[in-house]
């Protein structure tokens, strides 16, 4: 029994999802003739109260398209120093859009409205890049699945409105935040210009992200997707997986959150662990004590058929997910307690 806690991207489609995939009606999505894709896009616009949506193969491509839609070359976006768009998208911000990042030293991947204000370059000072966009990540990946407070998001939105900045939400794990905080997705639709919603993480599909947004910003999204190589044909099979996930895999995210908190509690009780980050959703971040070798620890777990991730700088990560069963969970906790 392999227990893979490296990420929530390692899941396989459930039998019900496979059935939905096999029965999907499809067409050519490049011609916008795939009925299942069109249904998923409409479902997402209605869910978030947005005006337009477009299906992308990956979350990175959706984020990169959003940045391109919001900015011009030579401009600058504001994001946390741990943001996915800066750390894990291959330098695409500069490669695809010719944009630089103003990095904010936030808390667990989350920034404040005051920090956004402090990071805006004077618009009439032509020696510095023109600030044009703020990128928010919720939940935060490198921040351990942390969830933004809605009050702070509203303050950030007010700052963006005051200074004429776009605001994009990298919602790769937004569904986890919605479940953990019992929030209404339409609240996010009211605050953000664009939102990426990933289906291949906690929701368990093989691929797929939908970018939703305001119509005037999204009007060129399909052109940018084409330039980035994201045009797909009979992709309704994967859109069907997304629709199935919305119907069957959202509420169950609470189970992943519960297991993650239980793993965090076990780790916090061990002398070989220096500290564990607060655990709100399905990501557990912890640090070993100085006397324990990270390489040996991970190798020892590997020998016991448990896989976890190292995120650098001593940061180790476990992510609970759809395929992490109760039997696996009990074994993982026993191994961690006995190490």
C-alpha atoms as a PDB file:
ATOM      1  CA  UNK A   1       0.000   0.000   0.000  1.00  0.00           C
ATOM      2  CA  UNK A   2       1.634   3.212  -1.243  1.00  0.00           C
ATOM      3  CA  UNK A   3       0.549   6.261   0.762  1.00  0.00           C
ATOM      4  CA  UNK A   4       1.156   9.264  -1.474  1.00  0.00           C
ATOM      5  CA  UNK A   5       0.874  12.540   0.419  1.00  0.00           C
ATOM      6  CA  UNK A   6       3.041  14.611  -1.924  1.00  0.00           C
ATOM      7  CA  UNK A   7       0.064  16.459  -3.398  1.00  0.00           C
ATOM      8  CA  UNK A   8      -3.674  16.315  -4.034  1.00  0.00           C
ATOM      9  CA  UNK A   9      -2.837  16.095  -7.745  1.00  0.00           C
ATOM     10  CA  UNK A  10      -1.984  12.377  -7.516  1.00  0.00           C
ATOM     11  CA  UNK A  11      -5.601  11.179  -7.456  1.00  0.00           C
ATOM     12  CA  UNK A  12      -7.266   8.922 -10.021  1.00  0.00           C
ATOM     13  CA  UNK A  13     -10.847   9.349 -11.271  1.00  0.00           C
ATOM     14  CA  UNK A  14     -13.468   7.590  -9.157  1.00  0.00           C
ATOM     15  CA  UNK A  15     -15.715   4.984 -10.827  1.00  0.00           C
ATOM     16  CA  UNK A  16     -18.530   7.537 -10.956  1.00  0.00           C
ATOM     17  CA  UNK A  17     -16.272  10.108 -12.573  1.00  0.00           C
ATOM     18  CA  UNK A  18     -15.048   7.547 -15.118  1.00  0.00           C
ATOM     19  CA  UNK A  19     -18.654   6.782 -16.004  1.00  0.00           C
ATOM     20  CA  UNK A  20     -19.340  10.496 -16.518  1.00  0.00           C
ATOM     21  CA  UNK A  21     -16.231  10.779 -18.717  1.00  0.00           C
ATOM     22  CA  UNK A  22     -17.259   7.823 -20.888  1.00  0.00           C
ATOM     23  CA  UNK A  23     -20.797   9.113 -21.336  1.00  0.00           C
ATOM     24  CA  UNK A  24     -19.850  12.715 -22.114  1.00  0.00           C
ATOM     25  CA  UNK A  25     -21.197  14.462 -25.165  1.00  0.00           C
ATOM     26  CA  UNK A  26     -18.341  16.141 -27.011  1.00  0.00           C
ATOM     27  CA  UNK A  27     -17.621  18.471 -29.902  1.00  0.00           C
ATOM     28  CA  UNK A  28     -14.754  20.638 -31.086  1.00  0.00           C
ATOM     29  CA  UNK A  29     -14.044  23.112 -28.310  1.00  0.00           C
ATOM     30  CA  UNK A  30     -11.780  25.275 -30.491  1.00  0.00           C
ATOM     31  CA  UNK A  31     -14.966  26.023 -32.449  1.00  0.00           C
ATOM     32  CA  UNK A  32     -16.766  26.367 -29.072  1.00  0.00           C
ATOM     33  CA  UNK A  33     -18.945  23.414 -30.124  1.00  0.00           C
ATOM     34  CA  UNK A  34     -18.293  21.080 -27.198  1.00  0.00           C
ATOM     35  CA  UNK A  35     -21.590  20.999 -25.280  1.00  0.00           C
ATOM     36  CA  UNK A  36     -20.096  19.620 -22.078  1.00  0.00           C
ATOM     37  CA  UNK A  37     -17.385  22.279 -21.960  1.00  0.00           C
ATOM     38  CA  UNK A  38     -19.996  24.944 -22.595  1.00  0.00           C
ATOM     39  CA  UNK A  39     -22.095  23.543 -19.753  1.00  0.00           C
ATOM     40  CA  UNK A  40     -19.137  23.554 -17.338  1.00  0.00           C
ATOM     41  CA  UNK A  41     -18.209  27.112 -18.245  1.00  0.00           C
ATOM     42  CA  UNK A  42     -21.810  28.259 -17.752  1.00  0.00           C
ATOM     43  CA  UNK A  43     -21.984  26.394 -14.445  1.00  0.00           C
ATOM     44  CA  UNK A  44     -18.860  28.187 -13.211  1.00  0.00           C
ATOM     45  CA  UNK A  45     -20.099  31.641 -14.232  1.00  0.00           C
ATOM     46  CA  UNK A  46     -23.340  31.004 -12.363  1.00  0.00           C
ATOM     47  CA  UNK A  47     -21.526  29.598  -9.332  1.00  0.00           C
ATOM     48  CA  UNK A  48     -19.372  32.708  -8.922  1.00  0.00           C
ATOM     49  CA  UNK A  49     -21.792  35.224 -10.358  1.00  0.00           C
ATOM     50  CA  UNK A  50     -19.317  36.121 -13.107  1.00  0.00           C
ATOM     51  CA  UNK A  51     -19.968  37.085 -16.736  1.00  0.00           C
ATOM     52  CA  UNK A  52     -17.649  34.821 -18.764  1.00  0.00           C
ATOM     53  CA  UNK A  53     -15.617  31.630 -18.441  1.00  0.00           C
ATOM     54  CA  UNK A  54     -13.070  29.627 -20.414  1.00  0.00           C
ATOM     55  CA  UNK A  55     -11.800  26.080 -19.893  1.00  0.00           C
ATOM     56  CA  UNK A  56      -7.996  25.643 -19.713  1.00  0.00           C
ATOM     57  CA  UNK A  57      -5.913  22.451 -19.521  1.00  0.00           C
ATOM     58  CA  UNK A  58      -3.937  23.628 -16.470  1.00  0.00           C
ATOM     59  CA  UNK A  59      -4.075  26.055 -13.596  1.00  0.00           C
ATOM     60  CA  UNK A  60      -0.733  27.566 -14.585  1.00  0.00           C
ATOM     61  CA  UNK A  61      -1.992  28.354 -18.087  1.00  0.00           C
ATOM     62  CA  UNK A  62      -5.172  29.903 -16.685  1.00  0.00           C
ATOM     63  CA  UNK A  63      -3.173  32.093 -14.287  1.00  0.00           C
ATOM     64  CA  UNK A  64      -0.739  33.097 -17.022  1.00  0.00           C
ATOM     65  CA  UNK A  65      -3.594  33.978 -19.358  1.00  0.00           C
ATOM     66  CA  UNK A  66      -5.204  36.095 -16.647  1.00  0.00           C
ATOM     67  CA  UNK A  67      -1.961  37.994 -16.051  1.00  0.00           C
ATOM     68  CA  UNK A  68      -1.640  38.596 -19.801  1.00  0.00           C
ATOM     69  CA  UNK A  69      -5.212  39.899 -19.966  1.00  0.00           C
ATOM     70  CA  UNK A  70      -4.619  42.327 -17.099  1.00  0.00           C
ATOM     71  CA  UNK A  71      -1.185  43.723 -18.004  1.00  0.00           C
ATOM     72  CA  UNK A  72       1.125  45.158 -20.647  1.00  0.00           C
ATOM     73  CA  UNK A  73       4.869  44.417 -21.026  1.00  0.00           C
ATOM     74  CA  UNK A  74       7.008  46.444 -18.661  1.00  0.00           C
ATOM     75  CA  UNK A  75       4.334  46.629 -15.975  1.00  0.00           C
ATOM     76  CA  UNK A  76       4.390  45.036 -12.537  1.00  0.00           C
ATOM     77  CA  UNK A  77       2.097  42.870 -10.448  1.00  0.00           C
ATOM     78  CA  UNK A  78       1.971  42.612  -6.674  1.00  0.00           C
ATOM     79  CA  UNK A  79       1.945  39.195  -4.991  1.00  0.00           C
ATOM     80  CA  UNK A  80       3.183  37.414  -1.900  1.00  0.00           C
ATOM     81  CA  UNK A  81       6.772  36.128  -1.949  1.00  0.00           C
ATOM     82  CA  UNK A  82       5.394  32.569  -1.785  1.00  0.00           C
ATOM     83  CA  UNK A  83       2.806  33.030  -4.538  1.00  0.00           C
ATOM     84  CA  UNK A  84       2.384  30.212  -7.028  1.00  0.00           C
ATOM     85  CA  UNK A  85       2.484  32.638  -9.980  1.00  0.00           C
ATOM     86  CA  UNK A  86       6.007  33.643  -8.903  1.00  0.00           C
ATOM     87  CA  UNK A  87       7.466  30.403  -7.530  1.00  0.00           C
ATOM     88  CA  UNK A  88       5.900  27.555  -9.492  1.00  0.00           C
ATOM     89  CA  UNK A  89       4.973  28.758 -12.973  1.00  0.00           C
ATOM     90  CA  UNK A  90       8.386  28.607 -14.619  1.00  0.00           C
ATOM     91  CA  UNK A  91       8.966  32.336 -14.786  1.00  0.00           C
ATOM     92  CA  UNK A  92       5.922  32.654 -17.019  1.00  0.00           C
ATOM     93  CA  UNK A  93       5.054  36.096 -15.660  1.00  0.00           C
ATOM     94  CA  UNK A  94       8.138  37.529 -17.374  1.00  0.00           C
ATOM     95  CA  UNK A  95       8.269  35.082 -20.298  1.00  0.00           C
ATOM     96  CA  UNK A  96       4.637  35.329 -21.362  1.00  0.00           C
ATOM     97  CA  UNK A  97       3.693  38.857 -20.325  1.00  0.00           C
ATOM     98  CA  UNK A  98       6.941  40.776 -19.902  1.00  0.00           C
ATOM     99  CA  UNK A  99       5.829  41.682 -16.397  1.00  0.00           C
ATOM    100  CA  UNK A 100       7.830  41.832 -13.156  1.00  0.00           C
ATOM    101  CA  UNK A 101       6.673  40.919  -9.649  1.00  0.00           C
ATOM    102  CA  UNK A 102       6.741  43.134  -6.566  1.00  0.00           C
ATOM    103  CA  UNK A 103       7.067  40.559  -3.811  1.00  0.00           C
ATOM    104  CA  UNK A 104       5.364  41.162  -0.495  1.00  0.00           C
ATOM    105  CA  UNK A 105       6.553  39.593   2.772  1.00  0.00           C
ATOM    106  CA  UNK A 106       3.124  38.392   3.846  1.00  0.00           C
ATOM    107  CA  UNK A 107       1.990  35.932   6.501  1.00  0.00           C
ATOM    108  CA  UNK A 108       1.760  32.302   5.355  1.00  0.00           C
ATOM    109  CA  UNK A 109       1.368  33.435   1.753  1.00  0.00           C
ATOM    110  CA  UNK A 110      -1.287  36.054   2.532  1.00  0.00           C
ATOM    111  CA  UNK A 111      -0.867  39.788   2.069  1.00  0.00           C
ATOM    112  CA  UNK A 112      -2.766  42.713   3.576  1.00  0.00           C
ATOM    113  CA  UNK A 113      -4.368  45.789   2.053  1.00  0.00           C
ATOM    114  CA  UNK A 114      -1.779  47.954   3.818  1.00  0.00           C
ATOM    115  CA  UNK A 115       1.034  45.967   2.203  1.00  0.00           C
ATOM    116  CA  UNK A 116      -0.604  46.374  -1.200  1.00  0.00           C
ATOM    117  CA  UNK A 117      -0.724  50.149  -0.697  1.00  0.00           C
ATOM    118  CA  UNK A 118       2.955  50.185   0.262  1.00  0.00           C
ATOM    119  CA  UNK A 119       3.865  48.159  -2.852  1.00  0.00           C
ATOM    120  CA  UNK A 120       2.198  50.359  -5.475  1.00  0.00           C
ATOM    121  CA  UNK A 121       4.717  52.313  -7.534  1.00  0.00           C
ATOM    122  CA  UNK A 122       3.882  56.012  -8.120  1.00  0.00           C
ATOM    123  CA  UNK A 123       2.089  56.012 -11.496  1.00  0.00           C
ATOM    124  CA  UNK A 124       3.786  59.229 -12.651  1.00  0.00           C
ATOM    125  CA  UNK A 125       7.305  58.002 -11.736  1.00  0.00           C
ATOM    126  CA  UNK A 126       8.398  56.534 -15.066  1.00  0.00           C
ATOM    127  CA  UNK A 127      11.656  55.103 -13.666  1.00  0.00           C
ATOM    128  CA  UNK A 128       9.744  52.271 -11.948  1.00  0.00           C
ATOM    129  CA  UNK A 129       7.364  49.749 -13.525  1.00  0.00           C
ATOM    130  CA  UNK A 130       3.719  50.732 -13.655  1.00  0.00           C
ATOM    131  CA  UNK A 131       1.765  48.710 -11.087  1.00  0.00           C
ATOM    132  CA  UNK A 132      -1.288  47.230 -12.797  1.00  0.00           C
ATOM    133  CA  UNK A 133      -2.347  44.014 -11.036  1.00  0.00           C
ATOM    134  CA  UNK A 134      -2.635  42.333  -7.641  1.00  0.00           C
ATOM    135  CA  UNK A 135      -2.527  38.517  -7.538  1.00  0.00           C
ATOM    136  CA  UNK A 136      -4.031  36.720  -4.540  1.00  0.00           C
ATOM    137  CA  UNK A 137      -3.731  32.978  -3.846  1.00  0.00           C
ATOM    138  CA  UNK A 138      -6.441  31.269  -1.775  1.00  0.00           C
ATOM    139  CA  UNK A 139      -5.766  28.818  -0.264  1.00  0.00           C
ATOM    140  CA  UNK A 140      -2.026  29.389  -0.147  1.00  0.00           C
ATOM    141  CA  UNK A 141       0.074  26.438  -1.274  1.00  0.00           C
ATOM    142  CA  UNK A 142       3.443  27.273   0.235  1.00  0.00           C
ATOM    143  CA  UNK A 143       1.642  28.899   3.155  1.00  0.00           C
ATOM    144  CA  UNK A 144       0.178  25.558   4.194  1.00  0.00           C
ATOM    145  CA  UNK A 145      -3.366  25.804   2.893  1.00  0.00           C
ATOM    146  CA  UNK A 146      -4.064  29.064   4.710  1.00  0.00           C
ATOM    147  CA  UNK A 147      -7.374  30.827   3.983  1.00  0.00           C
ATOM    148  CA  UNK A 148      -7.762  34.562   3.558  1.00  0.00           C
ATOM    149  CA  UNK A 149     -10.187  36.436   5.774  1.00  0.00           C
ATOM    150  CA  UNK A 150     -13.020  37.873   3.677  1.00  0.00           C
ATOM    151  CA  UNK A 151     -12.760  41.229   5.463  1.00  0.00           C
ATOM    152  CA  UNK A 152      -9.137  41.610   4.356  1.00  0.00           C
ATOM    153  CA  UNK A 153      -9.994  40.638   0.784  1.00  0.00           C
ATOM    154  CA  UNK A 154     -12.615  43.386   0.709  1.00  0.00           C
ATOM    155  CA  UNK A 155     -10.008  45.884   1.919  1.00  0.00           C
ATOM    156  CA  UNK A 156      -7.592  44.760  -0.813  1.00  0.00           C
ATOM    157  CA  UNK A 157     -10.352  45.138  -3.398  1.00  0.00           C
ATOM    158  CA  UNK A 158     -11.010  48.691  -2.176  1.00  0.00           C
ATOM    159  CA  UNK A 159      -7.321  49.531  -2.598  1.00  0.00           C
ATOM    160  CA  UNK A 160      -7.338  48.100  -6.127  1.00  0.00           C
ATOM    161  CA  UNK A 161     -10.426  50.135  -7.029  1.00  0.00           C
ATOM    162  CA  UNK A 162      -8.907  53.315  -5.608  1.00  0.00           C
ATOM    163  CA  UNK A 163      -5.690  52.898  -7.593  1.00  0.00           C
ATOM    164  CA  UNK A 164      -7.167  51.437 -10.779  1.00  0.00           C
ATOM    165  CA  UNK A 165      -5.512  48.029 -10.373  1.00  0.00           C
ATOM    166  CA  UNK A 166      -6.796  44.708 -11.637  1.00  0.00           C
ATOM    167  CA  UNK A 167      -7.228  41.910  -9.112  1.00  0.00           C
ATOM    168  CA  UNK A 168      -6.814  38.208  -9.955  1.00  0.00           C
ATOM    169  CA  UNK A 169      -7.446  35.224  -7.695  1.00  0.00           C
ATOM    170  CA  UNK A 170      -5.377  32.086  -8.125  1.00  0.00           C
ATOM    171  CA  UNK A 171      -8.076  29.776  -6.816  1.00  0.00           C
ATOM    172  CA  UNK A 172      -6.282  26.483  -7.364  1.00  0.00           C
ATOM    173  CA  UNK A 173      -7.657  25.314  -4.012  1.00  0.00           C
ATOM    174  CA  UNK A 174     -10.424  27.866  -3.632  1.00  0.00           C
ATOM    175  CA  UNK A 175     -12.996  25.117  -3.082  1.00  0.00           C
ATOM    176  CA  UNK A 176     -11.057  24.069   0.016  1.00  0.00           C
ATOM    177  CA  UNK A 177     -11.359  27.603   1.367  1.00  0.00           C
ATOM    178  CA  UNK A 178     -15.079  27.765   0.551  1.00  0.00           C
ATOM    179  CA  UNK A 179     -15.717  24.520   2.459  1.00  0.00           C
ATOM    180  CA  UNK A 180     -13.409  25.345   5.382  1.00  0.00           C
ATOM    181  CA  UNK A 181     -14.932  28.800   5.943  1.00  0.00           C
ATOM    182  CA  UNK A 182     -18.469  28.058   4.730  1.00  0.00           C
ATOM    183  CA  UNK A 183     -18.308  30.928   2.248  1.00  0.00           C
ATOM    184  CA  UNK A 184     -20.455  31.780  -0.756  1.00  0.00           C
ATOM    185  CA  UNK A 185     -18.519  31.673  -4.064  1.00  0.00           C
ATOM    186  CA  UNK A 186     -20.477  34.700  -5.257  1.00  0.00           C
ATOM    187  CA  UNK A 187     -18.657  36.752  -2.612  1.00  0.00           C
ATOM    188  CA  UNK A 188     -15.477  36.084  -4.575  1.00  0.00           C
ATOM    189  CA  UNK A 189     -17.159  36.903  -7.869  1.00  0.00           C
ATOM    190  CA  UNK A 190     -18.021  40.322  -6.485  1.00  0.00           C
ATOM    191  CA  UNK A 191     -14.438  41.039  -5.411  1.00  0.00           C
ATOM    192  CA  UNK A 192     -12.229  39.722  -8.201  1.00  0.00           C
ATOM    193  CA  UNK A 193     -11.894  40.615 -11.879  1.00  0.00           C
ATOM    194  CA  UNK A 194     -10.724  37.097 -12.749  1.00  0.00           C
ATOM    195  CA  UNK A 195     -10.626  33.803 -10.824  1.00  0.00           C
ATOM    196  CA  UNK A 196      -8.990  30.504 -11.777  1.00  0.00           C
ATOM    197  CA  UNK A 197     -10.739  27.399 -10.418  1.00  0.00           C
ATOM    198  CA  UNK A 198      -8.696  24.195 -10.592  1.00  0.00           C
ATOM    199  CA  UNK A 199     -10.398  20.800 -10.817  1.00  0.00           C
ATOM    200  CA  UNK A 200      -7.320  18.533 -10.747  1.00  0.00           C
ATOM    201  CA  UNK A 201      -6.405  19.091  -7.094  1.00  0.00           C
ATOM    202  CA  UNK A 202      -8.880  18.481  -4.280  1.00  0.00           C
ATOM    203  CA  UNK A 203     -11.728  17.903  -6.733  1.00  0.00           C
ATOM    204  CA  UNK A 204      -9.933  14.914  -8.222  1.00  0.00           C
ATOM    205  CA  UNK A 205     -10.123  15.315 -12.012  1.00  0.00           C
ATOM    206  CA  UNK A 206      -7.244  14.325 -14.327  1.00  0.00           C
ATOM    207  CA  UNK A 207      -6.922  17.887 -15.653  1.00  0.00           C
ATOM    208  CA  UNK A 208      -8.740  21.149 -16.093  1.00  0.00           C
ATOM    209  CA  UNK A 209      -9.086  24.696 -14.794  1.00  0.00           C
ATOM    210  CA  UNK A 210     -11.791  27.224 -15.563  1.00  0.00           C
ATOM    211  CA  UNK A 211     -10.989  30.938 -15.682  1.00  0.00           C
ATOM    212  CA  UNK A 212     -14.000  33.094 -14.872  1.00  0.00           C
ATOM    213  CA  UNK A 213     -14.119  36.852 -15.058  1.00  0.00           C
ATOM    214  CA  UNK A 214     -15.674  40.074 -16.196  1.00  0.00           C
ATOM    215  CA  UNK A 215     -16.703  40.122 -19.845  1.00  0.00           C
ATOM    216  CA  UNK A 216     -14.550  43.092 -20.853  1.00  0.00           C
ATOM    217  CA  UNK A 217     -11.408  41.424 -19.468  1.00  0.00           C
ATOM    218  CA  UNK A 218     -12.265  37.930 -20.727  1.00  0.00           C
ATOM    219  CA  UNK A 219     -13.049  38.966 -24.318  1.00  0.00           C
ATOM    220  CA  UNK A 220      -9.498  38.118 -25.447  1.00  0.00           C
ATOM    221  CA  UNK A 221      -9.054  35.053 -23.226  1.00  0.00           C
ATOM    222  CA  UNK A 222      -9.606  32.563 -26.039  1.00  0.00           C
ATOM    223  CA  UNK A 223      -6.991  34.351 -28.156  1.00  0.00           C
ATOM    224  CA  UNK A 224      -4.450  34.236 -25.316  1.00  0.00           C
ATOM    225  CA  UNK A 225      -5.253  30.563 -24.699  1.00  0.00           C
ATOM    226  CA  UNK A 226      -4.548  29.878 -28.378  1.00  0.00           C
ATOM    227  CA  UNK A 227      -1.209  31.698 -28.217  1.00  0.00           C
ATOM    228  CA  UNK A 228      -0.245  29.665 -25.144  1.00  0.00           C
ATOM    229  CA  UNK A 229      -1.119  26.433 -26.966  1.00  0.00           C
ATOM    230  CA  UNK A 230      -4.204  25.677 -24.903  1.00  0.00           C
ATOM    231  CA  UNK A 231      -6.746  25.068 -27.655  1.00  0.00           C
ATOM    232  CA  UNK A 232      -8.286  21.621 -27.167  1.00  0.00           C
ATOM    233  CA  UNK A 233     -10.724  19.623 -29.265  1.00  0.00           C
ATOM    234  CA  UNK A 234     -13.077  16.985 -27.773  1.00  0.00           C
ATOM    235  CA  UNK A 235     -12.174  18.021 -24.257  1.00  0.00           C
ATOM    236  CA  UNK A 236     -15.731  17.497 -23.056  1.00  0.00           C
ATOM    237  CA  UNK A 237     -14.539  14.224 -21.553  1.00  0.00           C
ATOM    238  CA  UNK A 238     -12.519  16.222 -19.016  1.00  0.00           C
ATOM    239  CA  UNK A 239     -15.219  18.871 -18.631  1.00  0.00           C
ATOM    240  CA  UNK A 240     -17.578  16.022 -17.680  1.00  0.00           C
ATOM    241  CA  UNK A 241     -15.128  15.090 -14.939  1.00  0.00           C
ATOM    242  CA  UNK A 242     -15.267  18.702 -13.723  1.00  0.00           C
ATOM    243  CA  UNK A 243     -19.071  18.710 -13.654  1.00  0.00           C
ATOM    244  CA  UNK A 244     -19.060  15.411 -11.753  1.00  0.00           C
ATOM    245  CA  UNK A 245     -16.568  16.867  -9.264  1.00  0.00           C
ATOM    246  CA  UNK A 246     -18.765  19.901  -8.622  1.00  0.00           C
ATOM    247  CA  UNK A 247     -21.685  17.585  -7.898  1.00  0.00           C
ATOM    248  CA  UNK A 248     -19.884  14.966  -5.805  1.00  0.00           C
ATOM    249  CA  UNK A 249     -16.454  16.104  -4.573  1.00  0.00           C
ATOM    250  CA  UNK A 250     -16.894  19.535  -3.002  1.00  0.00           C
ATOM    251  CA  UNK A 251     -18.525  18.789   0.349  1.00  0.00           C
ATOM    252  CA  UNK A 252     -16.237  15.828   0.938  1.00  0.00           C
ATOM    253  CA  UNK A 253     -13.241  18.188   1.069  1.00  0.00           C
ATOM    254  CA  UNK A 254     -14.110  18.533   4.762  1.00  0.00           C
ATOM    255  CA  UNK A 255     -12.888  14.923   5.203  1.00  0.00           C
ATOM    256  CA  UNK A 256      -9.478  15.893   3.793  1.00  0.00           C
ATOM    257  CA  UNK A 257      -9.329  18.863   6.155  1.00  0.00           C
ATOM    258  CA  UNK A 258     -10.132  16.652   9.157  1.00  0.00           C
ATOM    259  CA  UNK A 259      -7.411  14.141   8.263  1.00  0.00           C
ATOM    260  CA  UNK A 260      -4.874  16.918   7.721  1.00  0.00           C
ATOM    261  CA  UNK A 261      -5.584  18.361  11.156  1.00  0.00           C
ATOM    262  CA  UNK A 262      -5.180  14.913  12.697  1.00  0.00           C
ATOM    263  CA  UNK A 263      -1.822  14.452  10.958  1.00  0.00           C
ATOM    264  CA  UNK A 264      -0.770  17.886  12.205  1.00  0.00           C
ATOM    265  CA  UNK A 265      -1.714  16.959  15.763  1.00  0.00           C
ATOM    266  CA  UNK A 266       0.360  13.766  15.631  1.00  0.00           C
ATOM    267  CA  UNK A 267       3.367  15.626  14.225  1.00  0.00           C
ATOM    268  CA  UNK A 268       3.087  18.380  16.835  1.00  0.00           C
ATOM    269  CA  UNK A 269       3.416  15.785  19.590  1.00  0.00           C
ATOM    270  CA  UNK A 270       6.713  14.359  18.282  1.00  0.00           C
ATOM    271  CA  UNK A 271      10.100  15.397  19.626  1.00  0.00           C
ATOM    272  CA  UNK A 272      11.699  15.106  16.167  1.00  0.00           C
ATOM    273  CA  UNK A 273       9.405  17.872  14.891  1.00  0.00           C
ATOM    274  CA  UNK A 274      10.410  21.460  15.577  1.00  0.00           C
ATOM    275  CA  UNK A 275       7.049  23.010  14.650  1.00  0.00           C
ATOM    276  CA  UNK A 276       3.907  22.538  12.606  1.00  0.00           C
ATOM    277  CA  UNK A 277       2.165  25.378  10.770  1.00  0.00           C
ATOM    278  CA  UNK A 278      -1.509  26.004  11.622  1.00  0.00           C
ATOM    279  CA  UNK A 279      -3.568  23.586   9.529  1.00  0.00           C
ATOM    280  CA  UNK A 280      -6.847  24.930   8.147  1.00  0.00           C
ATOM    281  CA  UNK A 281      -7.448  22.841   5.042  1.00  0.00           C
ATOM    282  CA  UNK A 282      -5.746  19.843   3.421  1.00  0.00           C
ATOM    283  CA  UNK A 283      -2.089  20.909   3.560  1.00  0.00           C
ATOM    284  CA  UNK A 284       0.212  20.166   6.498  1.00  0.00           C
ATOM    285  CA  UNK A 285       3.509  22.069   6.657  1.00  0.00           C
ATOM    286  CA  UNK A 286       6.064  21.063   9.287  1.00  0.00           C
ATOM    287  CA  UNK A 287       9.740  21.479  10.148  1.00  0.00           C
ATOM    288  CA  UNK A 288      12.079  18.902  11.646  1.00  0.00           C
ATOM    289  CA  UNK A 289      14.314  19.589  14.642  1.00  0.00           C
ATOM    290  CA  UNK A 290      17.945  20.384  13.839  1.00  0.00           C
ATOM    291  CA  UNK A 291      19.121  16.945  14.943  1.00  0.00           C
ATOM    292  CA  UNK A 292      17.054  15.157  12.285  1.00  0.00           C
ATOM    293  CA  UNK A 293      18.246  14.859   8.679  1.00  0.00           C
ATOM    294  CA  UNK A 294      15.510  15.814   6.236  1.00  0.00           C
ATOM    295  CA  UNK A 295      16.924  13.485   3.582  1.00  0.00           C
ATOM    296  CA  UNK A 296      17.031  10.531   5.984  1.00  0.00           C
ATOM    297  CA  UNK A 297      13.549  11.256   7.320  1.00  0.00           C
ATOM    298  CA  UNK A 298      12.055  11.303   3.837  1.00  0.00           C
ATOM    299  CA  UNK A 299      14.005   8.199   2.828  1.00  0.00           C
ATOM    300  CA  UNK A 300      12.820   6.356   5.942  1.00  0.00           C
ATOM    301  CA  UNK A 301       9.206   7.235   5.150  1.00  0.00           C
ATOM    302  CA  UNK A 302       9.755   6.130   1.551  1.00  0.00           C
ATOM    303  CA  UNK A 303      10.971   2.752   2.832  1.00  0.00           C
ATOM    304  CA  UNK A 304       7.672   2.510   4.696  1.00  0.00           C
ATOM    305  CA  UNK A 305       5.766   3.364   1.480  1.00  0.00           C
ATOM    306  CA  UNK A 306       4.892   6.932   2.537  1.00  0.00           C
ATOM    307  CA  UNK A 307       5.701   9.754   0.130  1.00  0.00           C
ATOM    308  CA  UNK A 308       5.829  13.413   1.196  1.00  0.00           C
ATOM    309  CA  UNK A 309       7.239  16.618  -0.341  1.00  0.00           C
ATOM    310  CA  UNK A 310      10.112  18.933   0.512  1.00  0.00           C
ATOM    311  CA  UNK A 311       9.455  22.564  -0.405  1.00  0.00           C
ATOM    312  CA  UNK A 312      12.944  23.772   0.461  1.00  0.00           C
ATOM    313  CA  UNK A 313      14.190  25.842   3.403  1.00  0.00           C
ATOM    314  CA  UNK A 314      13.321  22.988   5.780  1.00  0.00           C
ATOM    315  CA  UNK A 315       9.654  23.073   4.853  1.00  0.00           C
ATOM    316  CA  UNK A 316       8.075  19.601   4.544  1.00  0.00           C
ATOM    317  CA  UNK A 317       4.561  19.117   3.209  1.00  0.00           C
ATOM    318  CA  UNK A 318       1.808  16.522   3.385  1.00  0.00           C
ATOM    319  CA  UNK A 319      -1.414  16.932   1.413  1.00  0.00           C
ATOM    320  CA  UNK A 320      -4.549  14.882   2.055  1.00  0.00           C
ATOM    321  CA  UNK A 321      -6.856  14.036  -0.828  1.00  0.00           C
ATOM    322  CA  UNK A 322      -9.601  11.931  -2.364  1.00  0.00           C
ATOM    323  CA  UNK A 323      -7.495   8.756  -2.655  1.00  0.00           C
ATOM    324  CA  UNK A 324      -6.072   8.949   0.883  1.00  0.00           C
ATOM    325  CA  UNK A 325      -8.244   6.380   2.641  1.00  0.00           C
ATOM    326  CA  UNK A 326      -8.967   5.976   6.336  1.00  0.00           C
ATOM    327  CA  UNK A 327      -6.794   2.835   6.358  1.00  0.00           C
ATOM    328  CA  UNK A 328      -3.894   4.807   4.868  1.00  0.00           C
ATOM    329  CA  UNK A 329      -4.535   7.608   7.323  1.00  0.00           C
ATOM    330  CA  UNK A 330      -4.323   5.328  10.337  1.00  0.00           C
ATOM    331  CA  UNK A 331      -1.123   3.736   9.076  1.00  0.00           C
ATOM    332  CA  UNK A 332       0.480   7.130   8.361  1.00  0.00           C
ATOM    333  CA  UNK A 333      -0.351   8.394  11.848  1.00  0.00           C
ATOM    334  CA  UNK A 334       1.045   5.200  13.416  1.00  0.00           C
ATOM    335  CA  UNK A 335       4.306   5.533  11.452  1.00  0.00           C
ATOM    336  CA  UNK A 336       4.713   9.199  12.383  1.00  0.00           C
ATOM    337  CA  UNK A 337       3.989   8.498  16.043  1.00  0.00           C
ATOM    338  CA  UNK A 338       6.505   5.631  16.186  1.00  0.00           C
ATOM    339  CA  UNK A 339       9.341   7.266  14.227  1.00  0.00           C
END
